[in-house]
Each structure stands twice: as structure tokens, then as C-alpha cells.
Amino acid sequence: MNELTPTFTLDGKTVPFEPGQTILQAAMDAGHYLPYLCYHPDLKPHGSCKVCSVKIGQQMVSSCTTAAQQGLVVESDTHQLKEERRIVIQMLFVEGNHFCPSCEKSGNCQLQAIAYDMQMRSPHYPQFFPNRSVDASHPDFLLDTNRCILCSLCVRASRDIDGKNVFGLSGRGINTRLTVNAASGKLGDTDFSADDKAAHVCPVGAILPKRKGFIVPIGQRTYDDKPISQFTALERKGN
């Protein structure tokens, strides 16, 4: 960093950034942790999950979509923000059917890891127990929408990187659902493949490869080793 490098402050710490970077990107590159679920470095920021929200003045903004600017004073590590993020995570748990002890993604799940890091002891709210589908029609992948958090990462990856538009979102509000763009609505009737970016961006256990379950034992997985907040930017980009 030199005198000409623009900077902003994050919880009192100076963060350098390159023109065009968002607050989240700059913070990650500088080694600062901000939680997120719907962001991926290879995709255009979406700002839908609000887990990465920070405070600038009196305004709450999504750090993944807000451009870094010289002299910004950004707050993240506050009691209010932690409580609001915890509420978002709790609501994601009760709106779906997340049974962590029996889930193949346990230990590799960003939702679970963030919940642990935020010291979420319980979902707090009544469970919705929605009636959602499990699609095993594809020869190589299982699509379990019980675990979907509607981050739209698979939708954007399939559209913007794979050029296939395999996935979509339908409905509004609490009735929003992940859908498959096939006449049958089945993943097996699409050209979805293991080479697709969309096959590898799900932060939870909604899209899982078949015949690979529990190869790595629970207790020896990514977030079993250390809290998600202790991962470097490079490590997080790979997860």
C-alpha cells in the first residue's frame, strides 16, 4: 500500500482497495472477515442474503454490492449487526428443512459454519417444515430443495458461466422455490453435468454429487478444523 492507494476504515482498521472493488472484496483481500452466503468471487454480486450487511453512517448496506470509496467509515463488528445476522441465519434454518446431523454437507456447509461462528444455539423461531421435493433423477447429482436457501448461486452460475440456464427461481416471498428448467421439472432431463460451475457453488447441501457420501468423515471436514471466520481470503474463495 502506498500513499496513492485509496482506503476506508472497517471497525477502525484501515482497509486498502482497488478501484471497482466492493467493501466485501476489499475486506477479504485485506484479511478481514465478513460473513456471506449469496456471494461468490466468480459471479456478479447479488446482495440477496443480507448476511454481509454492514453499517455506513445510519444506513445498512450489503457489503458485497456496495462499492468501496475513499474515506468510508464502515462498521461490522457491532452488537446490533451480529444480532440481525443471527436472526437472518435463524430464519433460514426454520424456513427450510435443515437436519445437520444427517446431512452429507455437515462440516462443509457455510450456513452451518456461520451459525456456529455466530454462536446460534437454536433456530429460536417455530419450524415451518415445508413440503419440498428431493430430485434423484440425474445420474450424477441429487437435488434436495429441503436444504436450499435461495441464494441463487446455482441460478447465476448456470446462466452466466455455464450458459445453460438449468435453474431458476419461481414464486414470491415465502413461496419462492428453486426450479429446474425442464418440461418435467426434473434435473435428469437437463444437460446439467459435473463440469458445470453450477454443480460446485451451493453453500449448503441442496446440490450433492452421488456416490461420494461421507468419504471424508464428519469431524475432519472444512469447518470442523477451525471457525469460518478464521479462514483467509484465499481459503474462502475455494469454499
C-alpha atoms as a PDB file:
ATOM      1  CA  MET A   1       0.000   0.000   0.000  1.00  0.00           C
ATOM      2  CA  ASN A   2       1.333   3.437  -0.902  1.00  0.00           C
ATOM      3  CA  GLU A   3       0.136   6.994  -0.319  1.00  0.00           C
ATOM      4  CA  LEU A   4      -1.941   6.921  -3.506  1.00  0.00           C
ATOM      5  CA  THR A   5      -3.828   3.733  -2.570  1.00  0.00           C
ATOM      6  CA  PRO A   6      -7.425   4.592  -1.595  1.00  0.00           C
ATOM      7  CA  THR A   7      -8.593   3.314   1.771  1.00  0.00           C
ATOM      8  CA  PHE A   8     -11.624   3.094   4.011  1.00  0.00           C
ATOM      9  CA  THR A   9     -11.929   2.040   7.629  1.00  0.00           C
ATOM     10  CA  LEU A  10     -13.617  -1.128   8.832  1.00  0.00           C
ATOM     11  CA  ASP A  11     -14.227  -1.237  12.571  1.00  0.00           C
ATOM     12  CA  GLY A  12     -11.436   1.291  12.997  1.00  0.00           C
ATOM     13  CA  LYS A  13      -8.941  -0.591  10.815  1.00  0.00           C
ATOM     14  CA  THR A  14      -7.589   0.822   7.554  1.00  0.00           C
ATOM     15  CA  VAL A  15      -8.534  -1.232   4.501  1.00  0.00           C
ATOM     16  CA  PRO A  16      -6.881  -0.517   1.126  1.00  0.00           C
ATOM     17  CA  PHE A  17      -8.840  -1.209  -2.036  1.00  0.00           C
ATOM     18  CA  GLU A  18      -8.551  -1.188  -5.788  1.00  0.00           C
ATOM     19  CA  PRO A  19     -10.988   0.977  -7.772  1.00  0.00           C
ATOM     20  CA  GLY A  20     -14.016  -1.117  -8.646  1.00  0.00           C
ATOM     21  CA  GLN A  21     -13.818  -3.360  -5.602  1.00  0.00           C
ATOM     22  CA  THR A  22     -16.720  -3.739  -3.221  1.00  0.00           C
ATOM     23  CA  ILE A  23     -16.391  -3.394   0.533  1.00  0.00           C
ATOM     24  CA  LEU A  24     -16.575  -7.174   0.901  1.00  0.00           C
ATOM     25  CA  GLN A  25     -13.917  -7.860  -1.728  1.00  0.00           C
ATOM     26  CA  ALA A  26     -11.513  -5.322  -0.260  1.00  0.00           C
ATOM     27  CA  ALA A  27     -12.109  -6.546   3.285  1.00  0.00           C
ATOM     28  CA  MET A  28     -11.452 -10.146   2.299  1.00  0.00           C
ATOM     29  CA  ASP A  29      -8.286  -9.237   0.407  1.00  0.00           C
ATOM     30  CA  ALA A  30      -7.059  -7.341   3.468  1.00  0.00           C
ATOM     31  CA  GLY A  31      -7.667 -10.365   5.694  1.00  0.00           C
ATOM     32  CA  HIS A  32     -10.845  -9.174   7.410  1.00  0.00           C
ATOM     33  CA  TYR A  33     -13.801 -11.474   7.880  1.00  0.00           C
ATOM     34  CA  LEU A  34     -17.315 -10.570   6.771  1.00  0.00           C
ATOM     35  CA  PRO A  35     -19.889 -13.392   6.641  1.00  0.00           C
ATOM     36  CA  TYR A  36     -21.768 -14.089   3.416  1.00  0.00           C
ATOM     37  CA  LEU A  37     -23.866 -16.768   1.724  1.00  0.00           C
ATOM     38  CA  CYS A  38     -25.005 -15.475  -1.681  1.00  0.00           C
ATOM     39  CA  TYR A  39     -21.619 -14.064  -2.771  1.00  0.00           C
ATOM     40  CA  HIS A  40     -19.107 -15.917  -4.946  1.00  0.00           C
ATOM     41  CA  PRO A  41     -15.927 -14.343  -6.363  1.00  0.00           C
ATOM     42  CA  ASP A  42     -16.624 -15.705  -9.856  1.00  0.00           C
ATOM     43  CA  LEU A  43     -20.128 -14.266 -10.053  1.00  0.00           C
ATOM     44  CA  LYS A  44     -21.618 -10.796 -10.110  1.00  0.00           C
ATOM     45  CA  PRO A  45     -22.643  -9.778  -6.565  1.00  0.00           C
ATOM     46  CA  HIS A  46     -26.329 -10.188  -5.872  1.00  0.00           C
ATOM     47  CA  GLY A  47     -26.964  -8.883  -2.353  1.00  0.00           C
ATOM     48  CA  SER A  48     -29.885 -11.176  -1.620  1.00  0.00           C
ATOM     49  CA  CYS A  49     -28.975 -12.908   1.652  1.00  0.00           C
ATOM     50  CA  LYS A  50     -28.071  -9.745   3.631  1.00  0.00           C
ATOM     51  CA  VAL A  51     -25.717 -11.726   5.868  1.00  0.00           C
ATOM     52  CA  CYS A  52     -22.829  -9.500   4.754  1.00  0.00           C
ATOM     53  CA  SER A  53     -24.640  -6.292   5.752  1.00  0.00           C
ATOM     54  CA  VAL A  54     -22.542  -3.540   7.302  1.00  0.00           C
ATOM     55  CA  LYS A  55     -23.316  -0.086   8.626  1.00  0.00           C
ATOM     56  CA  ILE A  56     -22.205   3.159   6.991  1.00  0.00           C
ATOM     57  CA  GLY A  57     -23.380   6.122   8.999  1.00  0.00           C
ATOM     58  CA  GLN A  58     -27.009   5.340   9.810  1.00  0.00           C
ATOM     59  CA  GLN A  59     -27.543   3.120   6.771  1.00  0.00           C
ATOM     60  CA  MET A  60     -27.347  -0.646   6.490  1.00  0.00           C
ATOM     61  CA  VAL A  61     -25.924  -1.840   3.160  1.00  0.00           C
ATOM     62  CA  SER A  62     -24.856  -5.134   1.614  1.00  0.00           C
ATOM     63  CA  SER A  63     -21.064  -5.122   1.591  1.00  0.00           C
ATOM     64  CA  CYS A  64     -20.979  -7.436  -1.453  1.00  0.00           C
ATOM     65  CA  THR A  65     -22.750  -4.879  -3.666  1.00  0.00           C
ATOM     66  CA  THR A  66     -21.564  -1.587  -2.169  1.00  0.00           C
ATOM     67  CA  ALA A  67     -18.519  -0.068  -3.838  1.00  0.00           C
ATOM     68  CA  ALA A  68     -15.564   0.765  -1.646  1.00  0.00           C
ATOM     69  CA  GLN A  69     -14.940   4.511  -1.530  1.00  0.00           C
ATOM     70  CA  GLN A  70     -12.172   6.661  -0.157  1.00  0.00           C
ATOM     71  CA  GLY A  71     -12.765   7.639   3.445  1.00  0.00           C
ATOM     72  CA  LEU A  72     -15.810   5.471   4.126  1.00  0.00           C
ATOM     73  CA  VAL A  73     -16.320   4.600   7.775  1.00  0.00           C
ATOM     74  CA  VAL A  74     -17.724   1.070   7.861  1.00  0.00           C
ATOM     75  CA  GLU A  75     -18.945  -0.836  10.903  1.00  0.00           C
ATOM     76  CA  SER A  76     -19.375  -4.601  11.041  1.00  0.00           C
ATOM     77  CA  ASP A  77     -18.401  -5.848  14.476  1.00  0.00           C
ATOM     78  CA  THR A  78     -21.301  -4.350  16.416  1.00  0.00           C
ATOM     79  CA  HIS A  79     -23.869  -5.961  18.710  1.00  0.00           C
ATOM     80  CA  GLN A  80     -26.741  -4.774  16.514  1.00  0.00           C
ATOM     81  CA  LEU A  81     -25.301  -6.227  13.319  1.00  0.00           C
ATOM     82  CA  LYS A  82     -24.435  -9.514  14.987  1.00  0.00           C
ATOM     83  CA  GLU A  83     -27.979  -9.838  16.294  1.00  0.00           C
ATOM     84  CA  GLU A  84     -29.518  -9.018  12.924  1.00  0.00           C
ATOM     85  CA  ARG A  85     -27.266 -11.507  11.126  1.00  0.00           C
ATOM     86  CA  ARG A  86     -28.135 -14.170  13.671  1.00  0.00           C
ATOM     87  CA  ILE A  87     -31.829 -13.532  13.044  1.00  0.00           C
ATOM     88  CA  VAL A  88     -31.302 -13.956   9.287  1.00  0.00           C
ATOM     89  CA  ILE A  89     -29.494 -17.251   9.845  1.00  0.00           C
ATOM     90  CA  GLN A  90     -32.154 -18.472  12.266  1.00  0.00           C
ATOM     91  CA  MET A  91     -34.872 -17.667   9.752  1.00  0.00           C
ATOM     92  CA  LEU A  92     -33.020 -19.554   7.011  1.00  0.00           C
ATOM     93  CA  PHE A  93     -32.923 -22.612   9.246  1.00  0.00           C
ATOM     94  CA  VAL A  94     -36.637 -22.591  10.057  1.00  0.00           C
ATOM     95  CA  GLU A  95     -37.766 -21.772   6.508  1.00  0.00           C
ATOM     96  CA  GLY A  96     -36.160 -24.954   5.182  1.00  0.00           C
ATOM     97  CA  ASN A  97     -35.624 -28.483   6.439  1.00  0.00           C
ATOM     98  CA  HIS A  98     -32.051 -28.485   7.720  1.00  0.00           C
ATOM     99  CA  PHE A  99     -31.175 -31.631   9.667  1.00  0.00           C
ATOM    100  CA  CYS A 100     -27.455 -31.119  10.126  1.00  0.00           C
ATOM    101  CA  PRO A 101     -26.540 -34.400  11.887  1.00  0.00           C
ATOM    102  CA  SER A 102     -27.760 -36.462   8.922  1.00  0.00           C
ATOM    103  CA  CYS A 103     -26.684 -34.107   6.121  1.00  0.00           C
ATOM    104  CA  GLU A 104     -23.784 -35.031   3.857  1.00  0.00           C
ATOM    105  CA  LYS A 105     -22.779 -31.356   3.759  1.00  0.00           C
ATOM    106  CA  SER A 106     -22.311 -31.142   7.538  1.00  0.00           C
ATOM    107  CA  GLY A 107     -18.863 -29.730   8.249  1.00  0.00           C
ATOM    108  CA  ASN A 108     -18.636 -28.282   4.734  1.00  0.00           C
ATOM    109  CA  CYS A 109     -21.800 -26.178   4.937  1.00  0.00           C
ATOM    110  CA  GLN A 110     -21.437 -22.397   5.035  1.00  0.00           C
ATOM    111  CA  LEU A 111     -24.859 -21.911   6.640  1.00  0.00           C
ATOM    112  CA  GLN A 112     -23.951 -24.291   9.462  1.00  0.00           C
ATOM    113  CA  ALA A 113     -20.473 -22.788   9.835  1.00  0.00           C
ATOM    114  CA  ILE A 114     -21.795 -19.223  10.068  1.00  0.00           C
ATOM    115  CA  ALA A 115     -24.410 -20.336  12.609  1.00  0.00           C
ATOM    116  CA  TYR A 116     -21.672 -21.834  14.772  1.00  0.00           C
ATOM    117  CA  ASP A 117     -19.495 -18.752  14.385  1.00  0.00           C
ATOM    118  CA  MET A 118     -22.402 -16.521  15.410  1.00  0.00           C
ATOM    119  CA  GLN A 119     -22.998 -18.758  18.432  1.00  0.00           C
ATOM    120  CA  MET A 120     -26.502 -19.605  17.318  1.00  0.00           C
ATOM    121  CA  ARG A 121     -27.737 -22.033  19.959  1.00  0.00           C
ATOM    122  CA  SER A 122     -31.146 -22.766  18.448  1.00  0.00           C
ATOM    123  CA  PRO A 123     -33.342 -21.728  15.493  1.00  0.00           C
ATOM    124  CA  HIS A 124     -35.405 -19.694  18.032  1.00  0.00           C
ATOM    125  CA  TYR A 125     -38.418 -19.440  15.710  1.00  0.00           C
ATOM    126  CA  PRO A 126     -41.022 -22.175  15.073  1.00  0.00           C
ATOM    127  CA  GLN A 127     -40.038 -24.547  12.271  1.00  0.00           C
ATOM    128  CA  PHE A 128     -42.013 -24.208   9.052  1.00  0.00           C
ATOM    129  CA  PHE A 129     -41.398 -27.823   7.943  1.00  0.00           C
ATOM    130  CA  PRO A 130     -42.203 -27.012   4.289  1.00  0.00           C
ATOM    131  CA  ASN A 131     -43.095 -29.800   1.888  1.00  0.00           C
ATOM    132  CA  ARG A 132     -40.183 -29.693  -0.557  1.00  0.00           C
ATOM    133  CA  SER A 133     -39.011 -32.112  -3.196  1.00  0.00           C
ATOM    134  CA  VAL A 134     -35.983 -34.371  -3.490  1.00  0.00           C
ATOM    135  CA  ASP A 135     -34.976 -34.981  -7.099  1.00  0.00           C
ATOM    136  CA  ALA A 136     -32.767 -38.028  -7.715  1.00  0.00           C
ATOM    137  CA  SER A 137     -33.461 -38.221 -11.453  1.00  0.00           C
ATOM    138  CA  HIS A 138     -29.968 -37.121 -12.526  1.00  0.00           C
ATOM    139  CA  PRO A 139     -27.402 -39.950 -12.825  1.00  0.00           C
ATOM    140  CA  ASP A 140     -24.676 -38.000 -11.028  1.00  0.00           C
ATOM    141  CA  PHE A 141     -26.348 -35.411  -8.794  1.00  0.00           C
ATOM    142  CA  LEU A 142     -29.015 -35.223  -6.120  1.00  0.00           C
ATOM    143  CA  LEU A 143     -31.116 -32.074  -5.861  1.00  0.00           C
ATOM    144  CA  ASP A 144     -32.599 -31.682  -2.386  1.00  0.00           C
ATOM    145  CA  THR A 145     -34.574 -28.447  -2.197  1.00  0.00           C
ATOM    146  CA  ASN A 146     -35.238 -29.020   1.518  1.00  0.00           C
ATOM    147  CA  ARG A 147     -31.802 -27.507   2.106  1.00  0.00           C
ATOM    148  CA  CYS A 148     -31.997 -24.719  -0.468  1.00  0.00           C
ATOM    149  CA  ILE A 149     -31.591 -21.201   0.975  1.00  0.00           C
ATOM    150  CA  LEU A 150     -32.472 -19.420  -2.302  1.00  0.00           C
ATOM    151  CA  CYS A 151     -29.051 -17.767  -2.592  1.00  0.00           C
ATOM    152  CA  SER A 152     -29.399 -18.101  -6.413  1.00  0.00           C
ATOM    153  CA  LEU A 153     -25.717 -19.048  -6.820  1.00  0.00           C
ATOM    154  CA  CYS A 154     -26.596 -22.083  -8.934  1.00  0.00           C
ATOM    155  CA  VAL A 155     -29.046 -19.984 -10.972  1.00  0.00           C
ATOM    156  CA  ARG A 156     -26.434 -17.325 -11.730  1.00  0.00           C
ATOM    157  CA  ALA A 157     -23.608 -19.797 -12.331  1.00  0.00           C
ATOM    158  CA  SER A 158     -25.673 -21.837 -14.769  1.00  0.00           C
ATOM    159  CA  ARG A 159     -26.815 -18.719 -16.615  1.00  0.00           C
ATOM    160  CA  ASP A 160     -23.701 -16.537 -16.558  1.00  0.00           C
ATOM    161  CA  ILE A 161     -20.864 -19.083 -16.658  1.00  0.00           C
ATOM    162  CA  ASP A 162     -22.266 -22.357 -17.967  1.00  0.00           C
ATOM    163  CA  GLY A 163     -24.654 -20.731 -20.444  1.00  0.00           C
ATOM    164  CA  LYS A 164     -27.299 -23.386 -19.741  1.00  0.00           C
ATOM    165  CA  ASN A 165     -29.992 -21.784 -17.553  1.00  0.00           C
ATOM    166  CA  VAL A 166     -30.631 -25.093 -15.807  1.00  0.00           C
ATOM    167  CA  PHE A 167     -32.033 -23.466 -12.667  1.00  0.00           C
ATOM    168  CA  GLY A 168     -34.472 -20.685 -11.878  1.00  0.00           C
ATOM    169  CA  LEU A 169     -36.456 -19.220  -9.016  1.00  0.00           C
ATOM    170  CA  SER A 170     -40.245 -19.140  -9.062  1.00  0.00           C
ATOM    171  CA  GLY A 171     -42.910 -17.797  -6.740  1.00  0.00           C
ATOM    172  CA  ARG A 172     -42.750 -14.826  -4.405  1.00  0.00           C
ATOM    173  CA  GLY A 173     -41.975 -14.276  -0.752  1.00  0.00           C
ATOM    174  CA  ILE A 174     -42.221 -17.378   1.409  1.00  0.00           C
ATOM    175  CA  ASN A 175     -43.437 -19.310  -1.644  1.00  0.00           C
ATOM    176  CA  THR A 176     -40.232 -18.743  -3.625  1.00  0.00           C
ATOM    177  CA  ARG A 177     -38.708 -22.033  -4.754  1.00  0.00           C
ATOM    178  CA  LEU A 178     -35.746 -23.285  -6.743  1.00  0.00           C
ATOM    179  CA  THR A 179     -36.945 -24.779 -10.020  1.00  0.00           C
ATOM    180  CA  VAL A 180     -35.380 -26.772 -12.837  1.00  0.00           C
ATOM    181  CA  ASN A 181     -35.887 -25.504 -16.371  1.00  0.00           C
ATOM    182  CA  ALA A 182     -37.153 -28.688 -17.974  1.00  0.00           C
ATOM    183  CA  ALA A 183     -40.660 -29.618 -19.102  1.00  0.00           C
ATOM    184  CA  SER A 184     -40.690 -32.361 -16.473  1.00  0.00           C
ATOM    185  CA  GLY A 185     -39.104 -30.184 -13.817  1.00  0.00           C
ATOM    186  CA  LYS A 186     -36.504 -32.918 -13.290  1.00  0.00           C
ATOM    187  CA  LEU A 187     -32.754 -32.351 -13.199  1.00  0.00           C
ATOM    188  CA  GLY A 188     -32.220 -35.600 -15.093  1.00  0.00           C
ATOM    189  CA  ASP A 189     -33.955 -34.077 -18.122  1.00  0.00           C
ATOM    190  CA  THR A 190     -31.401 -31.262 -18.450  1.00  0.00           C
ATOM    191  CA  ASP A 191     -27.818 -31.097 -19.705  1.00  0.00           C
ATOM    192  CA  PHE A 192     -26.513 -30.407 -16.190  1.00  0.00           C
ATOM    193  CA  SER A 193     -23.097 -32.002 -15.649  1.00  0.00           C
ATOM    194  CA  ALA A 194     -20.217 -32.272 -13.188  1.00  0.00           C
ATOM    195  CA  ASP A 195     -18.231 -29.845 -15.349  1.00  0.00           C
ATOM    196  CA  ASP A 196     -20.769 -27.083 -14.724  1.00  0.00           C
ATOM    197  CA  LYS A 197     -19.868 -24.260 -12.369  1.00  0.00           C
ATOM    198  CA  ALA A 198     -23.384 -24.562 -11.004  1.00  0.00           C
ATOM    199  CA  ALA A 199     -22.544 -28.033  -9.720  1.00  0.00           C
ATOM    200  CA  HIS A 200     -19.986 -26.646  -7.282  1.00  0.00           C
ATOM    201  CA  VAL A 201     -21.250 -23.331  -5.875  1.00  0.00           C
ATOM    202  CA  CYS A 202     -24.029 -24.403  -3.499  1.00  0.00           C
ATOM    203  CA  PRO A 203     -23.102 -23.234   0.026  1.00  0.00           C
ATOM    204  CA  VAL A 204     -25.408 -25.811   1.624  1.00  0.00           C
ATOM    205  CA  GLY A 205     -26.439 -29.380   0.790  1.00  0.00           C
ATOM    206  CA  ALA A 206     -29.004 -28.736  -1.929  1.00  0.00           C
ATOM    207  CA  ILE A 207     -26.846 -29.966  -4.840  1.00  0.00           C
ATOM    208  CA  LEU A 208     -24.804 -33.037  -3.998  1.00  0.00           C
ATOM    209  CA  PRO A 209     -22.774 -35.458  -6.142  1.00  0.00           C
ATOM    210  CA  LYS A 210     -23.977 -39.039  -5.939  1.00  0.00           C
ATOM    211  CA  ARG A 211     -21.830 -41.982  -4.798  1.00  0.00           C
ATOM    212  CA  LYS A 212     -19.496 -39.735  -2.794  1.00  0.00           C
ATOM    213  CA  GLY A 213     -21.323 -39.503   0.507  1.00  0.00           C
ATOM    214  CA  PHE A 214     -19.306 -39.298   3.708  1.00  0.00           C
ATOM    215  CA  ILE A 215     -15.969 -40.049   2.025  1.00  0.00           C
ATOM    216  CA  VAL A 216     -14.476 -37.518   4.450  1.00  0.00           C
ATOM    217  CA  PRO A 217     -15.775 -38.345   7.946  1.00  0.00           C
ATOM    218  CA  ILE A 218     -17.668 -35.688   9.879  1.00  0.00           C
ATOM    219  CA  GLY A 219     -15.180 -34.144  12.266  1.00  0.00           C
ATOM    220  CA  GLN A 220     -12.478 -33.949   9.600  1.00  0.00           C
ATOM    221  CA  ARG A 221     -14.172 -31.553   7.233  1.00  0.00           C
ATOM    222  CA  THR A 222     -13.522 -27.954   6.189  1.00  0.00           C
ATOM    223  CA  TYR A 223     -15.218 -26.099   9.035  1.00  0.00           C
ATOM    224  CA  ASP A 224     -14.565 -28.822  11.605  1.00  0.00           C
ATOM    225  CA  ASP A 225     -10.926 -27.747  11.646  1.00  0.00           C
ATOM    226  CA  LYS A 226     -11.478 -24.082  12.505  1.00  0.00           C
ATOM    227  CA  PRO A 227     -14.262 -21.481  12.535  1.00  0.00           C
ATOM    228  CA  ILE A 228     -15.229 -19.961   9.201  1.00  0.00           C
ATOM    229  CA  SER A 229     -14.186 -16.517  10.468  1.00  0.00           C
ATOM    230  CA  GLN A 230     -10.576 -17.705  10.729  1.00  0.00           C
ATOM    231  CA  PHE A 231     -10.238 -18.629   7.061  1.00  0.00           C
ATOM    232  CA  THR A 232      -8.082 -16.472   4.815  1.00  0.00           C
ATOM    233  CA  ALA A 233      -9.490 -14.805   1.713  1.00  0.00           C
ATOM    234  CA  LEU A 234      -7.778 -17.405  -0.485  1.00  0.00           C
ATOM    235  CA  GLU A 235      -9.219 -20.282   1.544  1.00  0.00           C
ATOM    236  CA  ARG A 236     -12.700 -18.756   1.463  1.00  0.00           C
ATOM    237  CA  LYS A 237     -12.576 -18.315  -2.298  1.00  0.00           C
ATOM    238  CA  GLY A 238     -12.250 -22.061  -2.558  1.00  0.00           C
ATOM    239  CA  ASN A 239     -15.332 -22.695  -0.436  1.00  0.00           C
END
